[in-house]
């Protein structure tokens, strides 16, 4: 079951970045919170407008975007 219908982009909201349900919660921000080690429960507690499916939609969106053949060079440790 896809949750991508929860991800929207509107030039008048967050400069057109992908956001959750038209609200000012960019997908990028949710991914950064998860990458920083926050749990879904912590994110939901801090942002009560969000739902579990919103976070899962952000992850689904990121999976699709990163599946593209474009790579970003970085220095390996």
PDB file of N, CA and C in Angstrom:
ATOM      1  N   UNK A   1       0.841  -1.183   0.000  1.00  0.00           N
ATOM      2  CA  UNK A   1       0.000   0.000   0.000  1.00  0.00           C
ATOM      3  C   UNK A   1       0.881   1.240   0.000  1.00  0.00           C
ATOM      4  N   UNK A   2       0.715   2.056  -0.994  1.00  0.00           N
ATOM      5  CA  UNK A   2       1.492   3.284  -1.101  1.00  0.00           C
ATOM      6  C   UNK A   2       0.864   4.389  -0.255  1.00  0.00           C
ATOM      7  N   UNK A   3       1.735   5.178   0.331  1.00  0.00           N
ATOM      8  CA  UNK A   3       1.287   6.330   1.116  1.00  0.00           C
ATOM      9  C   UNK A   3       1.693   7.643   0.442  1.00  0.00           C
ATOM     10  N   UNK A   4       2.138   7.550  -0.805  1.00  0.00           N
ATOM     11  CA  UNK A   4       2.665   8.725  -1.490  1.00  0.00           C
ATOM     12  C   UNK A   4       1.638   9.834  -1.679  1.00  0.00           C
ATOM     13  N   UNK A   5       0.358   9.521  -1.571  1.00  0.00           N
ATOM     14  CA  UNK A   5      -0.657  10.573  -1.698  1.00  0.00           C
ATOM     15  C   UNK A   5      -0.566  11.576  -0.549  1.00  0.00           C
ATOM     16  N   UNK A   6       0.176  11.243   0.487  1.00  0.00           N
ATOM     17  CA  UNK A   6       0.379  12.149   1.614  1.00  0.00           C
ATOM     18  C   UNK A   6       1.476  13.173   1.337  1.00  0.00           C
ATOM     19  N   UNK A   7       2.260  12.943   0.307  1.00  0.00           N
ATOM     20  CA  UNK A   7       3.355  13.853  -0.028  1.00  0.00           C
ATOM     21  C   UNK A   7       2.883  14.791  -1.139  1.00  0.00           C
ATOM     22  N   UNK A   8       3.004  16.078  -0.877  1.00  0.00           N
ATOM     23  CA  UNK A   8       2.563  17.082  -1.845  1.00  0.00           C
ATOM     24  C   UNK A   8       3.678  18.094  -2.070  1.00  0.00           C
ATOM     25  N   UNK A   9       3.559  18.827  -3.147  1.00  0.00           N
ATOM     26  CA  UNK A   9       4.490  19.918  -3.431  1.00  0.00           C
ATOM     27  C   UNK A   9       3.688  21.073  -4.018  1.00  0.00           C
ATOM     28  N   UNK A  10       3.862  22.227  -3.430  1.00  0.00           N
ATOM     29  CA  UNK A  10       3.146  23.428  -3.841  1.00  0.00           C
ATOM     30  C   UNK A  10       4.143  24.580  -3.757  1.00  0.00           C
ATOM     31  N   UNK A  11       4.305  25.327  -4.841  1.00  0.00           N
ATOM     32  CA  UNK A  11       5.286  26.424  -4.820  1.00  0.00           C
ATOM     33  C   UNK A  11       5.054  27.446  -3.713  1.00  0.00           C
ATOM     34  N   UNK A  12       3.847  27.522  -3.172  1.00  0.00           N
ATOM     35  CA  UNK A  12       3.546  28.496  -2.124  1.00  0.00           C
ATOM     36  C   UNK A  12       3.791  27.950  -0.720  1.00  0.00           C
ATOM     37  N   UNK A  13       4.157  26.675  -0.625  1.00  0.00           N
ATOM     38  CA  UNK A  13       4.415  26.055   0.686  1.00  0.00           C
ATOM     39  C   UNK A  13       5.855  25.546   0.701  1.00  0.00           C
ATOM     40  N   UNK A  14       6.658  26.059   1.608  1.00  0.00           N
ATOM     41  CA  UNK A  14       8.060  25.637   1.772  1.00  0.00           C
ATOM     42  C   UNK A  14       8.826  25.676   0.456  1.00  0.00           C
ATOM     43  N   UNK A  15       8.575  26.695  -0.337  1.00  0.00           N
ATOM     44  CA  UNK A  15       9.298  26.915  -1.601  1.00  0.00           C
ATOM     45  C   UNK A  15       9.166  25.738  -2.570  1.00  0.00           C
ATOM     46  N   UNK A  16       8.060  25.017  -2.475  1.00  0.00           N
ATOM     47  CA  UNK A  16       7.819  23.914  -3.406  1.00  0.00           C
ATOM     48  C   UNK A  16       8.470  22.603  -3.026  1.00  0.00           C
ATOM     49  N   UNK A  17       9.123  22.551  -1.865  1.00  0.00           N
ATOM     50  CA  UNK A  17       9.726  21.288  -1.431  1.00  0.00           C
ATOM     51  C   UNK A  17       8.613  20.284  -1.124  1.00  0.00           C
ATOM     52  N   UNK A  18       8.896  18.986  -1.258  1.00  0.00           N
ATOM     53  CA  UNK A  18       7.895  17.984  -0.884  1.00  0.00           C
ATOM     54  C   UNK A  18       7.598  18.075   0.613  1.00  0.00           C
ATOM     55  N   UNK A  19       6.318  18.136   0.933  1.00  0.00           N
ATOM     56  CA  UNK A  19       5.870  18.236   2.321  1.00  0.00           C
ATOM     57  C   UNK A  19       4.800  17.185   2.590  1.00  0.00           C
ATOM     58  N   UNK A  20       4.473  17.037   3.850  1.00  0.00           N
ATOM     59  CA  UNK A  20       3.452  16.074   4.265  1.00  0.00           C
ATOM     60  C   UNK A  20       2.087  16.747   4.271  1.00  0.00           C
ATOM     61  N   UNK A  21       1.173  16.197   3.538  1.00  0.00           N
ATOM     62  CA  UNK A  21      -0.235  16.611   3.505  1.00  0.00           C
ATOM     63  C   UNK A  21      -0.455  18.111   3.369  1.00  0.00           C
ATOM     64  N   UNK A  22       0.406  18.768   2.610  1.00  0.00           N
ATOM     65  CA  UNK A  22       0.227  20.196   2.388  1.00  0.00           C
ATOM     66  C   UNK A  22       0.563  21.057   3.581  1.00  0.00           C
ATOM     67  N   UNK A  23       1.044  20.434   4.656  1.00  0.00           N
ATOM     68  CA  UNK A  23       1.435  21.188   5.842  1.00  0.00           C
ATOM     69  C   UNK A  23       2.899  21.595   5.698  1.00  0.00           C
ATOM     70  N   UNK A  24       3.365  22.378   6.594  1.00  0.00           N
ATOM     71  CA  UNK A  24       4.745  22.867   6.526  1.00  0.00           C
ATOM     72  C   UNK A  24       5.709  21.929   7.238  1.00  0.00           C
ATOM     73  N   UNK A  25       5.599  20.659   6.909  1.00  0.00           N
ATOM     74  CA  UNK A  25       6.516  19.636   7.413  1.00  0.00           C
ATOM     75  C   UNK A  25       7.226  19.022   6.213  1.00  0.00           C
ATOM     76  N   UNK A  26       8.395  19.557   5.840  1.00  0.00           N
ATOM     77  CA  UNK A  26       9.102  19.014   4.681  1.00  0.00           C
ATOM     78  C   UNK A  26       9.563  17.573   4.906  1.00  0.00           C
ATOM     79  N   UNK A  27       9.507  16.792   3.858  1.00  0.00           N
ATOM     80  CA  UNK A  27      10.009  15.417   3.901  1.00  0.00           C
ATOM     81  C   UNK A  27      11.455  15.439   4.387  1.00  0.00           C
ATOM     82  N   UNK A  28      12.218  16.375   3.878  1.00  0.00           N
ATOM     83  CA  UNK A  28      13.629  16.504   4.251  1.00  0.00           C
ATOM     84  C   UNK A  28      13.808  16.605   5.764  1.00  0.00           C
ATOM     85  N   UNK A  29      12.977  17.404   6.432  1.00  0.00           N
ATOM     86  CA  UNK A  29      13.078  17.574   7.871  1.00  0.00           C
ATOM     87  C   UNK A  29      12.812  16.256   8.602  1.00  0.00           C
ATOM     88  N   UNK A  30      11.780  15.540   8.168  1.00  0.00           N
ATOM     89  CA  UNK A  30      11.465  14.274   8.823  1.00  0.00           C
ATOM     90  C   UNK A  30      12.595  13.276   8.664  1.00  0.00           C
ATOM     91  N   UNK A  31      13.191  13.235   7.491  1.00  0.00           N
ATOM     92  CA  UNK A  31      14.322  12.334   7.260  1.00  0.00           C
ATOM     93  C   UNK A  31      15.516  12.727   8.122  1.00  0.00           C
ATOM     94  N   UNK A  32      15.750  14.015   8.259  1.00  0.00           N
ATOM     95  CA  UNK A  32      16.857  14.473   9.102  1.00  0.00           C
ATOM     96  C   UNK A  32      16.630  14.095  10.565  1.00  0.00           C
ATOM     97  N   UNK A  33      15.401  14.213  11.034  1.00  0.00           N
ATOM     98  CA  UNK A  33      15.103  13.822  12.418  1.00  0.00           C
ATOM     99  C   UNK A  33      15.347  12.334  12.627  1.00  0.00           C
ATOM    100  N   UNK A  34      14.899  11.523  11.688  1.00  0.00           N
ATOM    101  CA  UNK A  34      15.123  10.077  11.779  1.00  0.00           C
ATOM    102  C   UNK A  34      16.619   9.766  11.726  1.00  0.00           C
ATOM    103  N   UNK A  35      17.341  10.434  10.827  1.00  0.00           N
ATOM    104  CA  UNK A  35      18.781  10.204  10.691  1.00  0.00           C
ATOM    105  C   UNK A  35      19.537  10.625  11.950  1.00  0.00           C
ATOM    106  N   UNK A  36      18.995  11.604  12.667  1.00  0.00           N
ATOM    107  CA  UNK A  36      19.624  12.064  13.902  1.00  0.00           C
ATOM    108  C   UNK A  36      19.357  11.119  15.064  1.00  0.00           C
ATOM    109  N   UNK A  37      18.514  10.126  14.823  1.00  0.00           N
ATOM    110  CA  UNK A  37      18.266   9.127  15.860  1.00  0.00           C
ATOM    111  C   UNK A  37      16.937   9.236  16.574  1.00  0.00           C
ATOM    112  N   UNK A  38      16.106  10.193  16.176  1.00  0.00           N
ATOM    113  CA  UNK A  38      14.791  10.287  16.810  1.00  0.00           C
ATOM    114  C   UNK A  38      13.937   9.109  16.378  1.00  0.00           C
ATOM    115  N   UNK A  39      13.160   8.596  17.304  1.00  0.00           N
ATOM    116  CA  UNK A  39      12.227   7.519  16.974  1.00  0.00           C
ATOM    117  C   UNK A  39      10.955   8.131  16.391  1.00  0.00           C
ATOM    118  N   UNK A  40      10.160   7.295  15.759  1.00  0.00           N
ATOM    119  CA  UNK A  40       8.884   7.788  15.232  1.00  0.00           C
ATOM    120  C   UNK A  40       8.024   8.316  16.371  1.00  0.00           C
ATOM    121  N   UNK A  41       8.038   7.635  17.505  1.00  0.00           N
ATOM    122  CA  UNK A  41       7.232   8.089  18.644  1.00  0.00           C
ATOM    123  C   UNK A  41       7.682   9.462  19.141  1.00  0.00           C
ATOM    124  N   UNK A  42       8.990   9.702  19.147  1.00  0.00           N
ATOM    125  CA  UNK A  42       9.495  11.013  19.575  1.00  0.00           C
ATOM    126  C   UNK A  42       9.075  12.103  18.602  1.00  0.00           C
ATOM    127  N   UNK A  43       9.153  11.808  17.314  1.00  0.00           N
ATOM    128  CA  UNK A  43       8.743  12.786  16.305  1.00  0.00           C
ATOM    129  C   UNK A  43       7.256  13.094  16.453  1.00  0.00           C
ATOM    130  N   UNK A  44       6.448  12.062  16.621  1.00  0.00           N
ATOM    131  CA  UNK A  44       5.005  12.259  16.759  1.00  0.00           C
ATOM    132  C   UNK A  44       4.669  13.043  18.022  1.00  0.00           C
ATOM    133  N   UNK A  45       5.436  12.845  19.079  1.00  0.00           N
ATOM    134  CA  UNK A  45       5.206  13.599  20.320  1.00  0.00           C
ATOM    135  C   UNK A  45       5.557  15.076  20.129  1.00  0.00           C
ATOM    136  N   UNK A  46       6.630  15.347  19.375  1.00  0.00           N
ATOM    137  CA  UNK A  46       7.056  16.728  19.141  1.00  0.00           C
ATOM    138  C   UNK A  46       6.190  17.448  18.112  1.00  0.00           C
ATOM    139  N   UNK A  47       5.607  16.689  17.194  1.00  0.00           N
ATOM    140  CA  UNK A  47       4.800  17.262  16.106  1.00  0.00           C
ATOM    141  C   UNK A  47       3.436  16.564  16.075  1.00  0.00           C
ATOM    142  N   UNK A  48       2.522  16.964  16.950  1.00  0.00           N
ATOM    143  CA  UNK A  48       1.248  16.256  17.094  1.00  0.00           C
ATOM    144  C   UNK A  48       0.340  16.275  15.866  1.00  0.00           C
ATOM    145  N   UNK A  49       0.618  17.155  14.907  1.00  0.00           N
ATOM    146  CA  UNK A  49      -0.172  17.166  13.668  1.00  0.00           C
ATOM    147  C   UNK A  49       0.163  15.974  12.772  1.00  0.00           C
ATOM    148  N   UNK A  50       1.315  15.361  13.009  1.00  0.00           N
ATOM    149  CA  UNK A  50       1.755  14.256  12.159  1.00  0.00           C
ATOM    150  C   UNK A  50       1.177  12.923  12.614  1.00  0.00           C
ATOM    151  N   UNK A  51       1.131  11.996  11.675  1.00  0.00           N
ATOM    152  CA  UNK A  51       0.662  10.633  11.934  1.00  0.00           C
ATOM    153  C   UNK A  51       1.746   9.662  11.486  1.00  0.00           C
ATOM    154  N   UNK A  52       1.688   8.443  11.990  1.00  0.00           N
ATOM    155  CA  UNK A  52       2.654   7.413  11.620  1.00  0.00           C
ATOM    156  C   UNK A  52       2.744   7.298  10.097  1.00  0.00           C
ATOM    157  N   UNK A  53       1.615   7.289   9.424  1.00  0.00           N
ATOM    158  CA  UNK A  53       1.620   7.156   7.967  1.00  0.00           C
ATOM    159  C   UNK A  53       2.326   8.315   7.268  1.00  0.00           C
ATOM    160  N   UNK A  54       2.388   9.474   7.903  1.00  0.00           N
ATOM    161  CA  UNK A  54       3.117  10.600   7.326  1.00  0.00           C
ATOM    162  C   UNK A  54       4.616  10.311   7.301  1.00  0.00           C
ATOM    163  N   UNK A  55       5.120   9.771   8.386  1.00  0.00           N
ATOM    164  CA  UNK A  55       6.547   9.441   8.453  1.00  0.00           C
ATOM    165  C   UNK A  55       6.866   8.307   7.487  1.00  0.00           C
ATOM    166  N   UNK A  56       6.000   7.317   7.429  1.00  0.00           N
ATOM    167  CA  UNK A  56       6.209   6.218   6.489  1.00  0.00           C
ATOM    168  C   UNK A  56       6.147   6.709   5.045  1.00  0.00           C
ATOM    169  N   UNK A  57       5.297   7.682   4.774  1.00  0.00           N
ATOM    170  CA  UNK A  57       5.217   8.261   3.434  1.00  0.00           C
ATOM    171  C   UNK A  57       6.521   8.981   3.090  1.00  0.00           C
ATOM    172  N   UNK A  58       7.096   9.686   4.054  1.00  0.00           N
ATOM    173  CA  UNK A  58       8.369  10.366   3.822  1.00  0.00           C
ATOM    174  C   UNK A  58       9.465   9.359   3.506  1.00  0.00           C
ATOM    175  N   UNK A  59       9.480   8.250   4.220  1.00  0.00           N
ATOM    176  CA  UNK A  59      10.466   7.200   3.950  1.00  0.00           C
ATOM    177  C   UNK A  59      10.239   6.561   2.582  1.00  0.00           C
ATOM    178  N   UNK A  60       8.988   6.344   2.227  1.00  0.00           N
ATOM    179  CA  UNK A  60       8.679   5.779   0.913  1.00  0.00           C
ATOM    180  C   UNK A  60       9.135   6.732  -0.194  1.00  0.00           C
ATOM    181  N   UNK A  61       8.871   8.011  -0.013  1.00  0.00           N
ATOM    182  CA  UNK A  61       9.288   9.011  -0.989  1.00  0.00           C
ATOM    183  C   UNK A  61      10.811   9.004  -1.138  1.00  0.00           C
ATOM    184  N   UNK A  62      11.511   8.968  -0.011  1.00  0.00           N
ATOM    185  CA  UNK A  62      12.977   8.954  -0.045  1.00  0.00           C
ATOM    186  C   UNK A  62      13.497   7.705  -0.744  1.00  0.00           C
ATOM    187  N   UNK A  63      12.860   6.575  -0.524  1.00  0.00           N
ATOM    188  CA  UNK A  63      13.285   5.338  -1.183  1.00  0.00           C
ATOM    189  C   UNK A  63      13.160   5.458  -2.694  1.00  0.00           C
ATOM    190  N   UNK A  64      12.087   6.061  -3.144  1.00  0.00           N
ATOM    191  CA  UNK A  64      11.880   6.222  -4.590  1.00  0.00           C
ATOM    192  C   UNK A  64      12.894   7.195  -5.170  1.00  0.00           C
ATOM    193  N   UNK A  65      13.109   8.302  -4.485  1.00  0.00           N
ATOM    194  CA  UNK A  65      14.051   9.303  -4.980  1.00  0.00           C
ATOM    195  C   UNK A  65      15.470   8.735  -5.024  1.00  0.00           C
ATOM    196  N   UNK A  66      15.874   7.990  -4.016  1.00  0.00           N
ATOM    197  CA  UNK A  66      17.236   7.458  -3.989  1.00  0.00           C
ATOM    198  C   UNK A  66      17.407   6.252  -4.904  1.00  0.00           C
ATOM    199  N   UNK A  67      16.333   5.687  -5.392  1.00  0.00           N
ATOM    200  CA  UNK A  67      16.427   4.566  -6.326  1.00  0.00           C
ATOM    201  C   UNK A  67      16.859   5.034  -7.711  1.00  0.00           C
ATOM    202  N   UNK A  68      16.831   6.328  -7.928  1.00  0.00           N
ATOM    203  CA  UNK A  68      17.270   6.878  -9.207  1.00  0.00           C
ATOM    204  C   UNK A  68      18.760   6.589  -9.372  1.00  0.00           C
ATOM    205  N   UNK A  69      19.226   6.609 -10.571  1.00  0.00           N
ATOM    206  CA  UNK A  69      20.615   6.252 -10.847  1.00  0.00           C
ATOM    207  C   UNK A  69      21.610   7.367 -10.557  1.00  0.00           C
ATOM    208  N   UNK A  70      21.138   8.497 -10.133  1.00  0.00           N
ATOM    209  CA  UNK A  70      22.027   9.601  -9.806  1.00  0.00           C
ATOM    210  C   UNK A  70      22.677   9.341  -8.458  1.00  0.00           C
ATOM    211  N   UNK A  71      23.972   9.570  -8.371  1.00  0.00           N
ATOM    212  CA  UNK A  71      24.662   9.402  -7.090  1.00  0.00           C
ATOM    213  C   UNK A  71      25.287  10.724  -6.683  1.00  0.00           C
ATOM    214  N   UNK A  72      25.480  10.877  -5.421  1.00  0.00           N
ATOM    215  CA  UNK A  72      26.116  12.072  -4.879  1.00  0.00           C
ATOM    216  C   UNK A  72      27.495  11.643  -4.365  1.00  0.00           C
ATOM    217  N   UNK A  73      28.551  12.214  -4.924  1.00  0.00           N
ATOM    218  CA  UNK A  73      29.891  11.811  -4.468  1.00  0.00           C
ATOM    219  C   UNK A  73      30.129  12.241  -3.028  1.00  0.00           C
ATOM    220  N   UNK A  74      30.787  11.395  -2.297  1.00  0.00           N
ATOM    221  CA  UNK A  74      31.173  11.712  -0.921  1.00  0.00           C
ATOM    222  C   UNK A  74      32.475  11.011  -0.623  1.00  0.00           C
ATOM    223  N   UNK A  75      33.158  11.477   0.394  1.00  0.00           N
ATOM    224  CA  UNK A  75      34.423  10.867   0.797  1.00  0.00           C
ATOM    225  C   UNK A  75      34.147   9.736   1.761  1.00  0.00           C
ATOM    226  N   UNK A  76      34.622   8.562   1.420  1.00  0.00           N
ATOM    227  CA  UNK A  76      34.462   7.413   2.316  1.00  0.00           C
ATOM    228  C   UNK A  76      35.421   7.567   3.491  1.00  0.00           C
ATOM    229  N   UNK A  77      34.985   7.159   4.649  1.00  0.00           N
ATOM    230  CA  UNK A  77      35.822   7.273   5.842  1.00  0.00           C
ATOM    231  C   UNK A  77      36.904   6.221   5.857  1.00  0.00           C
TER     232      UNK A  77
END
